[in-house]
Amino acid sequence: MFLRDNEVGRRVAPYLRSGWEILDYGAGTGLISRWLARSTGVRPTMTDLVEYGNRRQEFPYLQMDDPFHVPAEDGAFDAVILLFALHHNPYESQGKVLSEAIRLTRRRLIVIEDTPMSAADRAFNVFWDKVLNLRHRVPTPCAFRTVGEWLPIFLEADLEAVHVESYRPKWPTLMTYHHTVFVLDREAAGPE
């Protein structure tokens, strides 16, 4: 899936700095962490609730036993990336995951989420989410939100949206629905 890694990595990379300690929260296989480490010089740590048999082994890994707690200190990372992780939680639990990500970051939170913009988008989104996550047994409650629904949630969590961009990914879903990148800074983080 290197085409997907390139596509996602290029969306995230401009908002990270060489040398930053980052947490890939919901890292899955860790392929995006590997891409970012090679391309930007960040130092990733990965965490996930699901144990992937094909997870990258070259980075530190924090096994989660609780879906809403990562075993790390407050502000342990310069940035936390939540890539396609929030919609794997029911709507009522997404705020808990977001709060934990905020607790862990000193500066920046980067979220990429599936953000269907029409009924057709949502139908394709549900199909691809179920197909792509089946082999890893990742929960797929299909708890998608629109960009307009996410932004107030981030604002209420005292995050400043410094970049928001929606796009149709080519890989692996063949441009059938939208993703949105949210680059969010902690208001108290100050300048980089």
N, C-alpha and C. Protein backbone atom coordinates (compact mmCIF):
# COMPACT_ATOMS: atom_id res chain seq x y z
N MET A 1 0.83 -1.20 0.00
CA MET A 1 0.00 0.00 0.00
C MET A 1 0.87 1.26 0.00
N PHE A 2 2.08 1.18 -0.59
CA PHE A 2 2.97 2.34 -0.56
C PHE A 2 2.36 3.55 -1.23
N LEU A 3 1.46 3.37 -2.18
CA LEU A 3 0.82 4.53 -2.82
C LEU A 3 -0.01 5.30 -1.80
N ARG A 4 -0.70 4.59 -0.94
CA ARG A 4 -1.47 5.25 0.14
C ARG A 4 -0.53 5.95 1.11
N ASP A 5 0.57 5.30 1.46
CA ASP A 5 1.53 5.90 2.39
C ASP A 5 2.04 7.23 1.83
N ASN A 6 2.38 7.25 0.54
CA ASN A 6 2.85 8.48 -0.10
C ASN A 6 1.78 9.56 -0.06
N GLU A 7 0.56 9.17 -0.38
CA GLU A 7 -0.53 10.15 -0.44
C GLU A 7 -0.81 10.75 0.94
N VAL A 8 -0.92 9.91 1.94
CA VAL A 8 -1.20 10.40 3.30
C VAL A 8 0.01 11.13 3.85
N GLY A 9 1.19 10.56 3.68
CA GLY A 9 2.41 11.17 4.18
C GLY A 9 2.62 12.58 3.64
N ARG A 10 2.38 12.78 2.36
CA ARG A 10 2.55 14.12 1.76
C ARG A 10 1.57 15.13 2.33
N ARG A 11 0.43 14.68 2.80
CA ARG A 11 -0.56 15.59 3.41
C ARG A 11 -0.15 16.00 4.83
N VAL A 12 0.56 15.12 5.53
CA VAL A 12 0.93 15.34 6.93
C VAL A 12 2.30 16.00 7.07
N ALA A 13 3.24 15.61 6.24
CA ALA A 13 4.64 16.01 6.37
C ALA A 13 4.88 17.52 6.51
N PRO A 14 4.20 18.38 5.75
CA PRO A 14 4.51 19.81 5.87
C PRO A 14 4.24 20.40 7.25
N TYR A 15 3.54 19.69 8.09
CA TYR A 15 3.13 20.23 9.39
C TYR A 15 3.91 19.62 10.55
N LEU A 16 4.98 18.88 10.22
CA LEU A 16 5.86 18.29 11.22
C LEU A 16 7.26 18.86 11.03
N ARG A 17 8.07 18.81 12.07
CA ARG A 17 9.43 19.34 12.03
C ARG A 17 10.42 18.22 12.34
N SER A 18 11.55 18.24 11.65
CA SER A 18 12.60 17.26 11.89
C SER A 18 12.99 17.27 13.37
N GLY A 19 13.13 16.08 13.93
CA GLY A 19 13.50 15.95 15.33
C GLY A 19 12.33 15.87 16.28
N TRP A 20 11.13 16.22 15.82
CA TRP A 20 9.97 16.14 16.70
C TRP A 20 9.70 14.69 17.09
N GLU A 21 9.33 14.52 18.34
CA GLU A 21 8.81 13.25 18.84
C GLU A 21 7.32 13.25 18.53
N ILE A 22 6.86 12.26 17.76
CA ILE A 22 5.43 12.22 17.44
C ILE A 22 4.84 10.89 17.92
N LEU A 23 3.56 10.94 18.21
CA LEU A 23 2.82 9.73 18.55
C LEU A 23 1.85 9.46 17.43
N ASP A 24 1.95 8.28 16.85
CA ASP A 24 0.99 7.81 15.85
C ASP A 24 -0.06 7.02 16.62
N TYR A 25 -1.15 7.70 16.95
CA TYR A 25 -2.22 7.17 17.80
C TYR A 25 -3.21 6.44 16.90
N GLY A 26 -3.27 5.11 17.05
CA GLY A 26 -4.05 4.29 16.13
C GLY A 26 -3.20 3.96 14.92
N ALA A 27 -1.94 3.59 15.17
CA ALA A 27 -0.92 3.46 14.13
C ALA A 27 -1.18 2.34 13.13
N GLY A 28 -1.98 1.35 13.52
CA GLY A 28 -2.19 0.24 12.59
C GLY A 28 -0.89 -0.47 12.30
N THR A 29 -0.55 -0.57 11.03
CA THR A 29 0.66 -1.28 10.60
C THR A 29 1.93 -0.46 10.83
N GLY A 30 1.80 0.85 10.99
CA GLY A 30 2.97 1.71 11.19
C GLY A 30 3.62 2.17 9.91
N LEU A 31 3.02 1.89 8.77
CA LEU A 31 3.63 2.28 7.50
C LEU A 31 3.70 3.79 7.33
N ILE A 32 2.73 4.50 7.83
CA ILE A 32 2.76 5.97 7.74
C ILE A 32 3.86 6.51 8.66
N SER A 33 4.02 5.94 9.85
CA SER A 33 5.12 6.35 10.73
C SER A 33 6.46 6.17 10.04
N ARG A 34 6.64 5.04 9.38
CA ARG A 34 7.89 4.79 8.67
C ARG A 34 8.10 5.83 7.58
N TRP A 35 7.05 6.12 6.81
CA TRP A 35 7.16 7.11 5.73
C TRP A 35 7.54 8.47 6.30
N LEU A 36 6.89 8.88 7.38
CA LEU A 36 7.16 10.19 7.97
C LEU A 36 8.57 10.26 8.56
N ALA A 37 9.03 9.19 9.20
CA ALA A 37 10.38 9.18 9.76
C ALA A 37 11.41 9.35 8.65
N ARG A 38 11.24 8.64 7.57
CA ARG A 38 12.19 8.72 6.45
C ARG A 38 12.14 10.07 5.74
N SER A 39 10.96 10.62 5.62
CA SER A 39 10.78 11.83 4.80
C SER A 39 10.95 13.13 5.56
N THR A 40 10.69 13.12 6.88
CA THR A 40 10.72 14.39 7.62
C THR A 40 11.72 14.41 8.77
N GLY A 41 12.22 13.25 9.16
CA GLY A 41 13.15 13.21 10.28
C GLY A 41 12.49 13.23 11.64
N VAL A 42 11.17 12.98 11.70
CA VAL A 42 10.51 12.89 13.00
C VAL A 42 10.87 11.55 13.64
N ARG A 43 10.64 11.48 14.95
CA ARG A 43 10.91 10.25 15.70
C ARG A 43 9.57 9.70 16.20
N PRO A 44 9.00 8.73 15.49
CA PRO A 44 7.68 8.22 15.87
C PRO A 44 7.70 7.21 17.00
N THR A 45 6.63 7.26 17.77
CA THR A 45 6.24 6.19 18.68
C THR A 45 4.84 5.81 18.22
N MET A 46 4.56 4.53 18.23
CA MET A 46 3.25 4.07 17.76
C MET A 46 2.44 3.51 18.92
N THR A 47 1.14 3.61 18.77
CA THR A 47 0.24 2.99 19.75
C THR A 47 -1.04 2.58 19.04
N ASP A 48 -1.64 1.51 19.54
CA ASP A 48 -2.90 1.04 18.98
C ASP A 48 -3.54 0.10 19.98
N LEU A 49 -4.83 -0.06 19.83
CA LEU A 49 -5.59 -1.00 20.65
C LEU A 49 -5.61 -2.37 19.99
N VAL A 50 -5.58 -2.37 18.66
CA VAL A 50 -5.60 -3.61 17.87
C VAL A 50 -4.15 -4.04 17.63
N GLU A 51 -3.86 -5.28 17.83
CA GLU A 51 -2.51 -5.81 17.59
C GLU A 51 -2.43 -6.30 16.15
N TYR A 52 -1.69 -5.56 15.32
CA TYR A 52 -1.52 -5.91 13.92
C TYR A 52 -0.34 -6.88 13.77
N GLY A 53 -0.56 -8.00 13.13
CA GLY A 53 0.51 -8.97 12.93
C GLY A 53 1.61 -8.46 12.02
N ASN A 54 1.29 -7.50 11.16
CA ASN A 54 2.29 -6.98 10.22
C ASN A 54 2.74 -5.56 10.59
N ARG A 55 2.66 -5.23 11.87
CA ARG A 55 3.09 -3.90 12.34
C ARG A 55 4.60 -3.76 12.21
N ARG A 56 5.03 -2.56 11.81
CA ARG A 56 6.46 -2.22 11.72
C ARG A 56 7.07 -2.38 13.11
N GLN A 57 8.28 -2.90 13.18
CA GLN A 57 8.92 -3.19 14.45
C GLN A 57 10.06 -2.23 14.80
N GLU A 58 10.39 -1.29 13.92
CA GLU A 58 11.57 -0.46 14.14
C GLU A 58 11.34 0.77 15.02
N PHE A 59 10.11 0.98 15.48
CA PHE A 59 9.80 2.15 16.31
C PHE A 59 9.27 1.71 17.67
N PRO A 60 9.45 2.56 18.68
CA PRO A 60 8.83 2.25 19.98
C PRO A 60 7.33 2.06 19.82
N TYR A 61 6.79 1.16 20.62
CA TYR A 61 5.37 0.84 20.54
C TYR A 61 4.78 0.80 21.94
N LEU A 62 3.66 1.48 22.13
CA LEU A 62 2.94 1.49 23.40
C LEU A 62 1.64 0.72 23.21
N GLN A 63 1.52 -0.44 23.83
CA GLN A 63 0.30 -1.23 23.71
C GLN A 63 -0.79 -0.61 24.57
N MET A 64 -1.93 -0.36 23.98
CA MET A 64 -3.08 0.18 24.71
C MET A 64 -3.94 -0.97 25.23
N ASP A 65 -4.26 -0.91 26.50
CA ASP A 65 -5.20 -1.88 27.07
C ASP A 65 -6.57 -1.24 27.27
N ASP A 66 -6.59 0.07 27.28
CA ASP A 66 -7.80 0.87 27.46
C ASP A 66 -7.94 1.73 26.20
N PRO A 67 -9.09 1.72 25.54
CA PRO A 67 -9.22 2.48 24.30
C PRO A 67 -9.08 3.99 24.46
N PHE A 68 -9.14 4.47 25.70
CA PHE A 68 -9.09 5.91 25.92
C PHE A 68 -7.88 6.34 26.73
N HIS A 69 -6.87 5.45 26.83
CA HIS A 69 -5.67 5.81 27.58
C HIS A 69 -4.43 5.23 26.91
N VAL A 70 -3.48 6.11 26.63
CA VAL A 70 -2.17 5.71 26.11
C VAL A 70 -1.20 5.79 27.29
N PRO A 71 -0.42 4.75 27.55
CA PRO A 71 0.51 4.76 28.68
C PRO A 71 1.73 5.65 28.42
N ALA A 72 1.50 6.96 28.54
CA ALA A 72 2.57 7.96 28.35
C ALA A 72 2.23 9.18 29.20
N GLU A 73 3.25 9.97 29.51
CA GLU A 73 3.09 11.17 30.32
C GLU A 73 2.35 12.27 29.56
N ASP A 74 1.74 13.18 30.30
CA ASP A 74 1.12 14.37 29.71
C ASP A 74 2.17 15.13 28.91
N GLY A 75 1.80 15.59 27.71
CA GLY A 75 2.70 16.39 26.88
C GLY A 75 3.96 15.68 26.48
N ALA A 76 3.92 14.37 26.34
CA ALA A 76 5.12 13.59 26.03
C ALA A 76 5.60 13.76 24.59
N PHE A 77 4.74 14.31 23.71
CA PHE A 77 5.07 14.36 22.29
C PHE A 77 4.89 15.77 21.73
N ASP A 78 5.74 16.11 20.77
CA ASP A 78 5.59 17.40 20.08
C ASP A 78 4.30 17.42 19.27
N ALA A 79 3.97 16.29 18.67
CA ALA A 79 2.75 16.19 17.86
C ALA A 79 2.15 14.81 18.01
N VAL A 80 0.85 14.76 17.89
CA VAL A 80 0.12 13.49 17.84
C VAL A 80 -0.61 13.47 16.51
N ILE A 81 -0.53 12.33 15.83
CA ILE A 81 -1.28 12.16 14.59
C ILE A 81 -2.37 11.12 14.82
N LEU A 82 -3.57 11.48 14.44
CA LEU A 82 -4.75 10.61 14.51
C LEU A 82 -5.23 10.46 13.07
N LEU A 83 -4.78 9.42 12.41
CA LEU A 83 -5.08 9.25 11.00
C LEU A 83 -6.14 8.17 10.83
N PHE A 84 -7.34 8.60 10.49
CA PHE A 84 -8.47 7.70 10.24
C PHE A 84 -8.77 6.84 11.46
N ALA A 85 -8.62 7.42 12.65
CA ALA A 85 -8.83 6.67 13.89
C ALA A 85 -10.14 7.04 14.58
N LEU A 86 -10.52 8.30 14.52
CA LEU A 86 -11.70 8.74 15.30
C LEU A 86 -12.98 8.03 14.87
N HIS A 87 -13.17 7.81 13.57
CA HIS A 87 -14.42 7.19 13.12
C HIS A 87 -14.52 5.71 13.47
N HIS A 88 -13.45 5.14 14.02
CA HIS A 88 -13.51 3.75 14.48
C HIS A 88 -14.05 3.66 15.90
N ASN A 89 -14.47 4.79 16.43
CA ASN A 89 -15.10 4.87 17.74
C ASN A 89 -16.53 5.36 17.57
N PRO A 90 -17.45 4.88 18.38
CA PRO A 90 -18.82 5.41 18.31
C PRO A 90 -18.80 6.93 18.58
N TYR A 91 -19.78 7.63 18.07
CA TYR A 91 -19.84 9.09 18.23
C TYR A 91 -19.61 9.52 19.68
N GLU A 92 -20.26 8.82 20.61
CA GLU A 92 -20.18 9.23 22.02
C GLU A 92 -18.79 9.01 22.63
N SER A 93 -17.93 8.25 21.96
CA SER A 93 -16.58 7.99 22.48
C SER A 93 -15.50 8.82 21.80
N GLN A 94 -15.82 9.45 20.70
CA GLN A 94 -14.80 10.19 19.95
C GLN A 94 -14.16 11.30 20.77
N GLY A 95 -14.92 11.95 21.61
CA GLY A 95 -14.39 13.02 22.46
C GLY A 95 -13.36 12.51 23.45
N LYS A 96 -13.52 11.28 23.92
CA LYS A 96 -12.55 10.70 24.85
C LYS A 96 -11.22 10.46 24.15
N VAL A 97 -11.27 9.97 22.92
CA VAL A 97 -10.05 9.74 22.15
C VAL A 97 -9.37 11.08 21.87
N LEU A 98 -10.16 12.06 21.47
CA LEU A 98 -9.62 13.39 21.20
C LEU A 98 -8.98 13.99 22.45
N SER A 99 -9.63 13.87 23.59
CA SER A 99 -9.07 14.39 24.85
C SER A 99 -7.75 13.73 25.19
N GLU A 100 -7.65 12.44 24.95
CA GLU A 100 -6.40 11.73 25.23
C GLU A 100 -5.30 12.21 24.29
N ALA A 101 -5.61 12.43 23.03
CA ALA A 101 -4.61 12.93 22.08
C ALA A 101 -4.13 14.32 22.50
N ILE A 102 -5.05 15.15 22.94
CA ILE A 102 -4.68 16.51 23.39
C ILE A 102 -3.80 16.43 24.63
N ARG A 103 -4.11 15.53 25.53
CA ARG A 103 -3.30 15.37 26.75
C ARG A 103 -1.85 15.03 26.40
N LEU A 104 -1.66 14.29 25.35
CA LEU A 104 -0.33 13.76 25.01
C LEU A 104 0.53 14.72 24.19
N THR A 105 -0.07 15.73 23.55
CA THR A 105 0.71 16.61 22.68
C THR A 105 1.08 17.92 23.36
N ARG A 106 2.29 18.37 23.06
CA ARG A 106 2.74 19.68 23.54
C ARG A 106 2.34 20.79 22.57
N ARG A 107 2.29 20.47 21.28
CA ARG A 107 2.13 21.51 20.26
C ARG A 107 0.95 21.30 19.32
N ARG A 108 0.97 20.16 18.64
CA ARG A 108 0.12 20.00 17.46
C ARG A 108 -0.56 18.65 17.44
N LEU A 109 -1.77 18.68 16.91
CA LEU A 109 -2.54 17.47 16.65
C LEU A 109 -2.91 17.50 15.17
N ILE A 110 -2.60 16.43 14.47
CA ILE A 110 -2.97 16.32 13.06
C ILE A 110 -3.96 15.18 12.93
N VAL A 111 -5.13 15.51 12.43
CA VAL A 111 -6.21 14.55 12.25
C VAL A 111 -6.51 14.44 10.76
N ILE A 112 -6.59 13.23 10.26
CA ILE A 112 -7.19 13.00 8.94
C ILE A 112 -8.37 12.09 9.18
N GLU A 113 -9.51 12.51 8.68
CA GLU A 113 -10.73 11.74 8.85
C GLU A 113 -11.49 11.63 7.53
N ASP A 114 -12.24 10.56 7.43
CA ASP A 114 -13.18 10.40 6.32
C ASP A 114 -14.33 11.36 6.59
N THR A 115 -14.61 12.22 5.62
CA THR A 115 -15.65 13.24 5.80
C THR A 115 -16.61 13.24 4.61
N PRO A 116 -17.53 12.30 4.57
CA PRO A 116 -18.44 12.22 3.43
C PRO A 116 -19.25 13.51 3.28
N MET A 117 -19.40 13.94 2.04
CA MET A 117 -20.08 15.20 1.75
C MET A 117 -21.40 15.00 1.02
N SER A 118 -21.80 13.76 0.82
CA SER A 118 -23.08 13.46 0.17
C SER A 118 -23.48 12.04 0.55
N ALA A 119 -24.69 11.66 0.18
CA ALA A 119 -25.15 10.29 0.45
C ALA A 119 -24.30 9.28 -0.32
N ALA A 120 -23.91 9.61 -1.54
CA ALA A 120 -23.06 8.72 -2.33
C ALA A 120 -21.69 8.58 -1.67
N ASP A 121 -21.12 9.71 -1.23
CA ASP A 121 -19.85 9.68 -0.50
C ASP A 121 -19.95 8.71 0.68
N ARG A 122 -21.01 8.87 1.46
CA ARG A 122 -21.17 8.04 2.66
C ARG A 122 -21.29 6.56 2.30
N ALA A 123 -22.02 6.23 1.25
CA ALA A 123 -22.17 4.83 0.86
C ALA A 123 -20.81 4.22 0.47
N PHE A 124 -20.04 4.95 -0.33
CA PHE A 124 -18.70 4.47 -0.69
C PHE A 124 -17.81 4.37 0.54
N ASN A 125 -17.92 5.35 1.43
CA ASN A 125 -17.11 5.39 2.64
C ASN A 125 -17.38 4.17 3.51
N VAL A 126 -18.64 3.84 3.73
CA VAL A 126 -19.01 2.67 4.53
C VAL A 126 -18.46 1.40 3.88
N PHE A 127 -18.63 1.28 2.57
CA PHE A 127 -18.13 0.09 1.86
C PHE A 127 -16.63 -0.08 2.05
N TRP A 128 -15.85 0.96 1.73
CA TRP A 128 -14.40 0.87 1.82
C TRP A 128 -13.94 0.67 3.25
N ASP A 129 -14.58 1.32 4.22
CA ASP A 129 -14.16 1.18 5.61
C ASP A 129 -14.29 -0.27 6.06
N LYS A 130 -15.38 -0.89 5.72
CA LYS A 130 -15.60 -2.28 6.11
C LYS A 130 -14.62 -3.22 5.39
N VAL A 131 -14.43 -3.03 4.10
CA VAL A 131 -13.54 -3.90 3.32
C VAL A 131 -12.09 -3.77 3.79
N LEU A 132 -11.60 -2.55 3.96
CA LEU A 132 -10.19 -2.33 4.28
C LEU A 132 -9.84 -2.72 5.71
N ASN A 133 -10.81 -2.80 6.59
CA ASN A 133 -10.53 -3.12 7.99
C ASN A 133 -10.90 -4.54 8.40
N LEU A 134 -11.51 -5.27 7.50
CA LEU A 134 -11.99 -6.61 7.80
C LEU A 134 -10.87 -7.55 8.24
N ARG A 135 -9.76 -7.58 7.52
CA ARG A 135 -8.72 -8.57 7.83
C ARG A 135 -8.03 -8.31 9.17
N HIS A 136 -8.06 -7.07 9.65
CA HIS A 136 -7.43 -6.75 10.93
C HIS A 136 -8.44 -6.77 12.08
N ARG A 137 -9.70 -6.98 11.77
CA ARG A 137 -10.77 -7.00 12.77
C ARG A 137 -10.89 -5.68 13.53
N VAL A 138 -10.69 -4.59 12.81
CA VAL A 138 -10.83 -3.25 13.39
C VAL A 138 -12.32 -2.91 13.43
N PRO A 139 -12.82 -2.39 14.55
CA PRO A 139 -14.22 -2.01 14.62
C PRO A 139 -14.58 -0.97 13.56
N THR A 140 -15.73 -1.11 12.96
CA THR A 140 -16.17 -0.17 11.93
C THR A 140 -17.60 0.32 12.21
N PRO A 141 -17.74 1.17 13.23
CA PRO A 141 -19.08 1.69 13.51
C PRO A 141 -19.53 2.73 12.48
N CYS A 142 -18.60 3.12 11.57
CA CYS A 142 -18.90 4.10 10.52
C CYS A 142 -19.45 5.40 11.12
N ALA A 143 -18.78 5.86 12.17
CA ALA A 143 -19.18 7.08 12.88
C ALA A 143 -18.48 8.29 12.24
N PHE A 144 -18.87 8.54 11.00
CA PHE A 144 -18.28 9.63 10.23
C PHE A 144 -18.96 10.96 10.55
N ARG A 145 -18.20 12.03 10.45
CA ARG A 145 -18.72 13.39 10.62
C ARG A 145 -18.29 14.22 9.42
N THR A 146 -19.02 15.28 9.20
CA THR A 146 -18.65 16.23 8.15
C THR A 146 -17.61 17.20 8.70
N VAL A 147 -16.98 17.95 7.80
CA VAL A 147 -16.03 18.98 8.21
C VAL A 147 -16.73 19.96 9.16
N GLY A 148 -17.94 20.36 8.81
CA GLY A 148 -18.71 21.31 9.63
C GLY A 148 -19.06 20.77 11.00
N GLU A 149 -19.12 19.46 11.15
CA GLU A 149 -19.37 18.87 12.46
C GLU A 149 -18.08 18.75 13.28
N TRP A 150 -16.95 18.50 12.62
CA TRP A 150 -15.68 18.36 13.34
C TRP A 150 -15.16 19.69 13.87
N LEU A 151 -15.24 20.74 13.08
CA LEU A 151 -14.62 22.00 13.47
C LEU A 151 -15.09 22.53 14.83
N PRO A 152 -16.39 22.56 15.13
CA PRO A 152 -16.81 23.02 16.46
C PRO A 152 -16.31 22.12 17.60
N ILE A 153 -16.17 20.83 17.33
CA ILE A 153 -15.65 19.90 18.35
C ILE A 153 -14.20 20.26 18.66
N PHE A 154 -13.42 20.54 17.64
CA PHE A 154 -12.02 20.92 17.86
C PHE A 154 -11.92 22.28 18.56
N LEU A 155 -12.77 23.21 18.16
CA LEU A 155 -12.76 24.54 18.79
C LEU A 155 -13.13 24.44 20.27
N GLU A 156 -14.13 23.63 20.57
CA GLU A 156 -14.56 23.45 21.96
C GLU A 156 -13.45 22.82 22.81
N ALA A 157 -12.56 22.06 22.17
CA ALA A 157 -11.44 21.42 22.87
C ALA A 157 -10.22 22.36 22.97
N ASP A 158 -10.44 23.66 22.68
CA ASP A 158 -9.36 24.66 22.73
C ASP A 158 -8.24 24.38 21.74
N LEU A 159 -8.61 23.89 20.56
CA LEU A 159 -7.65 23.69 19.49
C LEU A 159 -7.89 24.75 18.42
N GLU A 160 -6.81 25.24 17.85
CA GLU A 160 -6.90 26.21 16.77
C GLU A 160 -6.63 25.50 15.45
N ALA A 161 -7.57 25.58 14.53
CA ALA A 161 -7.39 24.97 13.21
C ALA A 161 -6.51 25.88 12.36
N VAL A 162 -5.26 25.45 12.12
CA VAL A 162 -4.33 26.26 11.34
C VAL A 162 -4.33 25.85 9.87
N HIS A 163 -4.90 24.69 9.57
CA HIS A 163 -5.04 24.26 8.18
C HIS A 163 -6.15 23.21 8.11
N VAL A 164 -7.05 23.36 7.16
CA VAL A 164 -8.10 22.38 6.91
C VAL A 164 -8.18 22.21 5.40
N GLU A 165 -8.09 20.96 4.96
CA GLU A 165 -8.11 20.69 3.52
C GLU A 165 -8.84 19.39 3.25
N SER A 166 -9.86 19.46 2.40
CA SER A 166 -10.58 18.25 1.98
C SER A 166 -10.09 17.84 0.60
N TYR A 167 -10.04 16.53 0.39
CA TYR A 167 -9.57 16.00 -0.90
C TYR A 167 -10.17 14.61 -1.10
N ARG A 168 -10.14 14.16 -2.33
CA ARG A 168 -10.56 12.80 -2.65
C ARG A 168 -9.30 11.97 -2.87
N PRO A 169 -9.02 11.00 -2.00
CA PRO A 169 -7.78 10.22 -2.12
C PRO A 169 -7.84 9.26 -3.31
N LYS A 170 -6.72 9.17 -4.00
CA LYS A 170 -6.65 8.24 -5.11
C LYS A 170 -6.49 6.81 -4.61
N TRP A 171 -5.68 6.64 -3.55
CA TRP A 171 -5.36 5.29 -3.06
C TRP A 171 -5.83 5.10 -1.63
N PRO A 172 -6.41 4.02 -1.24
CA PRO A 172 -6.79 2.89 -2.06
C PRO A 172 -8.24 2.97 -2.56
N THR A 173 -8.91 4.09 -2.31
CA THR A 173 -10.37 4.14 -2.53
C THR A 173 -10.77 4.77 -3.86
N LEU A 174 -9.81 5.05 -4.72
CA LEU A 174 -10.07 5.48 -6.10
C LEU A 174 -10.96 6.72 -6.21
N MET A 175 -10.73 7.68 -5.30
CA MET A 175 -11.40 8.98 -5.32
C MET A 175 -12.92 8.89 -5.16
N THR A 176 -13.38 7.89 -4.41
CA THR A 176 -14.82 7.69 -4.27
C THR A 176 -15.47 8.50 -3.15
N TYR A 177 -14.68 9.06 -2.23
CA TYR A 177 -15.23 9.90 -1.17
C TYR A 177 -14.14 10.80 -0.62
N HIS A 178 -14.51 11.71 0.27
CA HIS A 178 -13.59 12.73 0.77
C HIS A 178 -12.88 12.34 2.07
N HIS A 179 -11.65 12.79 2.16
CA HIS A 179 -10.89 12.84 3.41
C HIS A 179 -10.67 14.31 3.72
N THR A 180 -10.44 14.61 4.99
CA THR A 180 -10.08 15.99 5.36
C THR A 180 -8.92 15.94 6.34
N VAL A 181 -7.93 16.80 6.08
CA VAL A 181 -6.79 16.99 6.97
C VAL A 181 -7.11 18.18 7.86
N PHE A 182 -6.99 17.99 9.16
CA PHE A 182 -7.15 19.06 10.14
C PHE A 182 -5.81 19.20 10.87
N VAL A 183 -5.16 20.35 10.73
CA VAL A 183 -3.94 20.62 11.48
C VAL A 183 -4.35 21.55 12.61
N LEU A 184 -4.19 21.07 13.84
CA LEU A 184 -4.74 21.73 15.02
C LEU A 184 -3.64 22.01 16.02
N ASP A 185 -3.53 23.25 16.43
CA ASP A 185 -2.52 23.61 17.43
C ASP A 185 -3.19 23.84 18.78
N ARG A 186 -2.48 23.44 19.81
CA ARG A 186 -2.92 23.76 21.17
C ARG A 186 -2.78 25.27 21.33
N GLU A 187 -3.80 25.92 21.85
CA GLU A 187 -3.76 27.37 21.97
C GLU A 187 -2.65 27.84 22.88
N ALA A 188 -2.28 27.04 23.86
CA ALA A 188 -1.23 27.42 24.80
C ALA A 188 0.18 27.05 24.31
N ALA A 189 0.27 26.43 23.12
CA ALA A 189 1.57 25.92 22.66
C ALA A 189 2.53 27.03 22.29
N GLY A 190 2.03 28.16 21.83
CA GLY A 190 2.91 29.26 21.44
C GLY A 190 3.56 29.00 20.10
N PRO A 191 4.49 29.88 19.68
CA PRO A 191 5.13 29.71 18.36
C PRO A 191 6.05 28.49 18.33
N GLU A 192 6.26 27.99 17.11
CA GLU A 192 7.13 26.82 16.93
C GLU A 192 8.57 27.18 17.12
